[in-house]
C-alpha atoms as a PDB file:
ATOM      1  CA  MET A   1      34.656 148.764 173.038  1.00  0.00           C
ATOM      2  CA  ARG A   2      37.359 150.633 174.916  1.00  0.00           C
ATOM      3  CA  VAL A   3      37.296 154.015 176.670  1.00  0.00           C
ATOM      4  CA  ASN A   4      40.564 155.914 177.067  1.00  0.00           C
ATOM      5  CA  THR A   5      41.392 159.103 178.918  1.00  0.00           C
ATOM      6  CA  TYR A   6      42.550 161.964 176.685  1.00  0.00           C
ATOM      7  CA  LEU A   7      44.393 164.796 178.422  1.00  0.00           C
ATOM      8  CA  SER A   8      44.941 168.292 177.066  1.00  0.00           C
ATOM      9  CA  PHE A   9      48.114 170.158 177.981  1.00  0.00           C
ATOM     10  CA  ASN A  10      49.194 173.774 177.749  1.00  0.00           C
ATOM     11  CA  GLY A  11      52.396 173.081 175.823  1.00  0.00           C
ATOM     12  CA  ASP A  12      53.950 170.570 178.229  1.00  0.00           C
ATOM     13  CA  CYS A  13      52.498 167.211 177.160  1.00  0.00           C
ATOM     14  CA  GLU A  14      55.928 165.735 176.459  1.00  0.00           C
ATOM     15  CA  ALA A  15      57.262 166.671 179.920  1.00  0.00           C
ATOM     16  CA  ALA A  16      54.097 165.332 181.575  1.00  0.00           C
ATOM     17  CA  PHE A  17      54.301 162.008 179.765  1.00  0.00           C
ATOM     18  CA  GLN A  18      58.002 161.715 180.654  1.00  0.00           C
ATOM     19  CA  LEU A  19      57.079 162.157 184.343  1.00  0.00           C
ATOM     20  CA  TYR A  20      54.260 159.606 184.073  1.00  0.00           C
ATOM     21  CA  GLU A  21      56.581 157.178 182.280  1.00  0.00           C
ATOM     22  CA  ARG A  22      59.097 157.351 185.130  1.00  0.00           C
ATOM     23  CA  CYS A  23      56.704 157.699 188.073  1.00  0.00           C
ATOM     24  CA  LEU A  24      54.032 155.225 186.938  1.00  0.00           C
ATOM     25  CA  ASP A  25      56.259 152.782 185.073  1.00  0.00           C
ATOM     26  CA  GLY A  26      54.609 153.692 181.771  1.00  0.00           C
ATOM     27  CA  ARG A  27      55.610 153.143 178.157  1.00  0.00           C
ATOM     28  CA  ILE A  28      55.287 156.093 175.804  1.00  0.00           C
ATOM     29  CA  GLY A  29      53.987 155.163 172.354  1.00  0.00           C
ATOM     30  CA  ALA A  30      54.261 157.103 169.115  1.00  0.00           C
ATOM     31  CA  VAL A  31      54.493 160.887 169.442  1.00  0.00           C
ATOM     32  CA  PHE A  32      53.198 163.053 166.603  1.00  0.00           C
ATOM     33  CA  ARG A  33      54.252 166.705 166.458  1.00  0.00           C
ATOM     34  CA  TYR A  34      52.328 169.574 164.890  1.00  0.00           C
ATOM     35  CA  GLY A  35      55.191 170.545 162.570  1.00  0.00           C
ATOM     36  CA  ASN A  36      55.016 167.210 160.749  1.00  0.00           C
ATOM     37  CA  THR A  37      51.266 167.278 160.103  1.00  0.00           C
ATOM     38  CA  PRO A  38      48.745 169.224 158.034  1.00  0.00           C
ATOM     39  CA  LEU A  39      47.920 171.085 161.297  1.00  0.00           C
ATOM     40  CA  ALA A  40      51.281 172.895 161.301  1.00  0.00           C
ATOM     41  CA  GLY A  41      49.596 176.054 160.021  1.00  0.00           C
ATOM     42  CA  ASP A  42      47.049 176.033 162.860  1.00  0.00           C
ATOM     43  CA  VAL A  43      49.601 176.611 165.615  1.00  0.00           C
ATOM     44  CA  PRO A  44      52.265 179.281 166.150  1.00  0.00           C
ATOM     45  CA  PRO A  45      55.673 178.493 164.583  1.00  0.00           C
ATOM     46  CA  ASP A  46      57.205 177.931 168.026  1.00  0.00           C
ATOM     47  CA  TRP A  47      54.655 175.133 168.545  1.00  0.00           C
ATOM     48  CA  HIS A  48      55.822 172.950 165.637  1.00  0.00           C
ATOM     49  CA  ASP A  49      57.714 170.717 168.100  1.00  0.00           C
ATOM     50  CA  LYS A  50      54.724 170.474 170.459  1.00  0.00           C
ATOM     51  CA  VAL A  51      52.735 167.243 170.718  1.00  0.00           C
ATOM     52  CA  MET A  52      49.751 166.901 168.411  1.00  0.00           C
ATOM     53  CA  HIS A  53      49.025 163.392 169.743  1.00  0.00           C
ATOM     54  CA  ALA A  54      50.773 160.919 172.026  1.00  0.00           C
ATOM     55  CA  SER A  55      49.902 157.915 174.130  1.00  0.00           C
ATOM     56  CA  ILE A  56      51.313 156.251 177.197  1.00  0.00           C
ATOM     57  CA  THR A  57      50.476 152.785 178.466  1.00  0.00           C
ATOM     58  CA  ILE A  58      50.386 152.402 182.237  1.00  0.00           C
ATOM     59  CA  GLY A  59      49.658 148.858 183.314  1.00  0.00           C
ATOM     60  CA  GLU A  60      46.786 147.855 181.044  1.00  0.00           C
ATOM     61  CA  GLN A  61      45.485 151.415 180.612  1.00  0.00           C
ATOM     62  CA  VAL A  62      46.238 153.785 177.759  1.00  0.00           C
ATOM     63  CA  ILE A  63      46.225 157.520 178.374  1.00  0.00           C
ATOM     64  CA  MET A  64      46.373 159.791 175.360  1.00  0.00           C
ATOM     65  CA  GLY A  65      47.245 163.453 175.260  1.00  0.00           C
ATOM     66  CA  ALA A  66      48.164 166.497 173.239  1.00  0.00           C
ATOM     67  CA  ASP A  67      49.270 170.084 173.533  1.00  0.00           C
ATOM     68  CA  VAL A  68      46.269 172.260 172.790  1.00  0.00           C
ATOM     69  CA  ALA A  69      46.758 175.549 170.977  1.00  0.00           C
ATOM     70  CA  PRO A  70      47.238 178.282 173.599  1.00  0.00           C
ATOM     71  CA  ASP A  71      43.947 180.035 172.829  1.00  0.00           C
ATOM     72  CA  ARG A  72      42.001 176.743 173.204  1.00  0.00           C
ATOM     73  CA  TYR A  73      43.526 175.251 176.363  1.00  0.00           C
ATOM     74  CA  GLU A  74      41.279 174.722 179.397  1.00  0.00           C
ATOM     75  CA  ALA A  75      42.456 173.228 182.691  1.00  0.00           C
ATOM     76  CA  PRO A  76      40.807 169.897 183.628  1.00  0.00           C
ATOM     77  CA  LYS A  77      37.648 170.279 185.711  1.00  0.00           C
ATOM     78  CA  GLY A  78      35.463 167.645 187.284  1.00  0.00           C
ATOM     79  CA  ILE A  79      37.775 164.682 186.629  1.00  0.00           C
ATOM     80  CA  SER A  80      40.684 162.951 188.351  1.00  0.00           C
ATOM     81  CA  LEU A  81      42.963 160.112 187.361  1.00  0.00           C
ATOM     82  CA  SER A  82      42.983 157.440 190.044  1.00  0.00           C
ATOM     83  CA  VAL A  83      46.080 155.380 190.845  1.00  0.00           C
ATOM     84  CA  HIS A  84      45.765 152.268 192.996  1.00  0.00           C
ATOM     85  CA  THR A  85      48.948 150.822 194.452  1.00  0.00           C
ATOM     86  CA  THR A  86      49.562 147.539 196.219  1.00  0.00           C
ATOM     87  CA  SER A  87      51.551 149.049 199.087  1.00  0.00           C
ATOM     88  CA  ILE A  88      51.781 152.106 201.295  1.00  0.00           C
ATOM     89  CA  GLU A  89      55.373 152.660 200.168  1.00  0.00           C
ATOM     90  CA  GLU A  90      54.371 152.709 196.503  1.00  0.00           C
ATOM     91  CA  ALA A  91      51.504 155.119 197.222  1.00  0.00           C
ATOM     92  CA  GLU A  92      53.913 157.419 199.075  1.00  0.00           C
ATOM     93  CA  ARG A  93      56.453 157.297 196.235  1.00  0.00           C
ATOM     94  CA  VAL A  94      53.891 158.014 193.507  1.00  0.00           C
ATOM     95  CA  PHE A  95      52.254 160.778 195.549  1.00  0.00           C
ATOM     96  CA  GLY A  96      55.630 162.403 196.192  1.00  0.00           C
ATOM     97  CA  GLU A  97      56.684 162.320 192.539  1.00  0.00           C
ATOM     98  CA  LEU A  98      53.374 163.660 191.224  1.00  0.00           C
ATOM     99  CA  GLU A  99      53.245 166.276 193.986  1.00  0.00           C
ATOM    100  CA  ALA A 100      56.597 167.877 193.027  1.00  0.00           C
ATOM    101  CA  GLY A 101      55.786 171.333 191.700  1.00  0.00           C
ATOM    102  CA  GLY A 102      52.056 170.666 192.022  1.00  0.00           C
ATOM    103  CA  ARG A 103      49.440 171.265 194.696  1.00  0.00           C
ATOM    104  CA  VAL A 104      48.224 168.971 197.481  1.00  0.00           C
ATOM    105  CA  VAL A 105      44.431 168.901 197.690  1.00  0.00           C
ATOM    106  CA  MET A 106      44.328 166.261 200.445  1.00  0.00           C
ATOM    107  CA  PRO A 107      47.491 164.925 202.117  1.00  0.00           C
ATOM    108  CA  LEU A 108      48.277 161.249 201.693  1.00  0.00           C
ATOM    109  CA  GLU A 109      47.043 159.702 204.933  1.00  0.00           C
ATOM    110  CA  GLU A 110      45.172 156.790 206.435  1.00  0.00           C
ATOM    111  CA  THR A 111      41.421 156.853 205.906  1.00  0.00           C
ATOM    112  CA  PHE A 112      38.608 154.588 207.035  1.00  0.00           C
ATOM    113  CA  TRP A 113      38.694 152.844 203.633  1.00  0.00           C
ATOM    114  CA  ALA A 114      42.407 152.638 202.865  1.00  0.00           C
ATOM    115  CA  PRO A 115      45.769 152.671 204.613  1.00  0.00           C
ATOM    116  CA  ARG A 116      46.707 155.675 202.411  1.00  0.00           C
ATOM    117  CA  PHE A 117      44.668 158.007 200.230  1.00  0.00           C
ATOM    118  CA  GLY A 118      45.506 161.476 198.945  1.00  0.00           C
ATOM    119  CA  MET A 119      44.629 163.970 196.247  1.00  0.00           C
ATOM    120  CA  ILE A 120      46.937 166.244 194.268  1.00  0.00           C
ATOM    121  CA  VAL A 121      47.034 168.351 191.143  1.00  0.00           C
ATOM    122  CA  ASP A 122      50.375 167.794 189.420  1.00  0.00           C
ATOM    123  CA  ARG A 123      52.498 170.613 187.978  1.00  0.00           C
ATOM    124  CA  PHE A 124      50.786 170.105 184.611  1.00  0.00           C
ATOM    125  CA  GLY A 125      47.312 170.746 186.070  1.00  0.00           C
ATOM    126  CA  VAL A 126      46.176 167.099 186.056  1.00  0.00           C
ATOM    127  CA  PRO A 127      44.197 166.021 189.167  1.00  0.00           C
ATOM    128  CA  TRP A 128      45.174 162.676 190.732  1.00  0.00           C
ATOM    129  CA  LEU A 129      43.749 160.389 193.434  1.00  0.00           C
ATOM    130  CA  ILE A 130      46.375 158.105 194.975  1.00  0.00           C
ATOM    131  CA  SER A 131      45.279 155.038 196.967  1.00  0.00           C
ATOM    132  CA  ALA A 132      46.974 152.111 198.603  1.00  0.00           C
ATOM    133  CA  GLU A 133      44.942 148.899 198.770  1.00  0.00           C
ATOM    134  CA  SER A 134      42.191 148.821 201.346  1.00  0.00           C
ATOM    135  CA  LEU A 135      42.761 147.514 204.851  1.00  0.00           C
ATOM    136  CA  THR A 136      41.166 144.230 203.733  1.00  0.00           C
ATOM    137  CA  GLY A 137      43.664 143.885 200.875  1.00  0.00           C
ATOM    138  CA  GLU A 138      41.090 144.643 198.201  1.00  0.00           C
ATOM    139  CA  ALA A 139      41.508 147.409 195.634  1.00  0.00           C
ATOM    140  CA  ILE A 140      39.080 150.271 196.102  1.00  0.00           C
END
């Protein structure tokens, strides 16, 4: 059995996955667009190029996503994606890239459990937790 995260976007799934590909060293898989599926009639004509389904592999994890019809989109609530890096520099780089155009919830700083930890909501509305390895060298 496998459990994957599935993210809903408000028309900007492709741009989000392009950021995650660059920032998190991901690999985008197949991208299916509404206009080329039987669902083309369920979205406005200007949405035919929007993403009906896509996936991105980051490390060993697969994140899936889609643009949700405008009248059905809801911002994520009660979840965060958690990134664990092996260095402070990598945590700072990832935090900075995901922060651009987004909102800092908690600045990236030293905590009692990790040399760096921070929380942001990226410009696409996705909440992230960014951590460097713990002071003992173990992932948290």
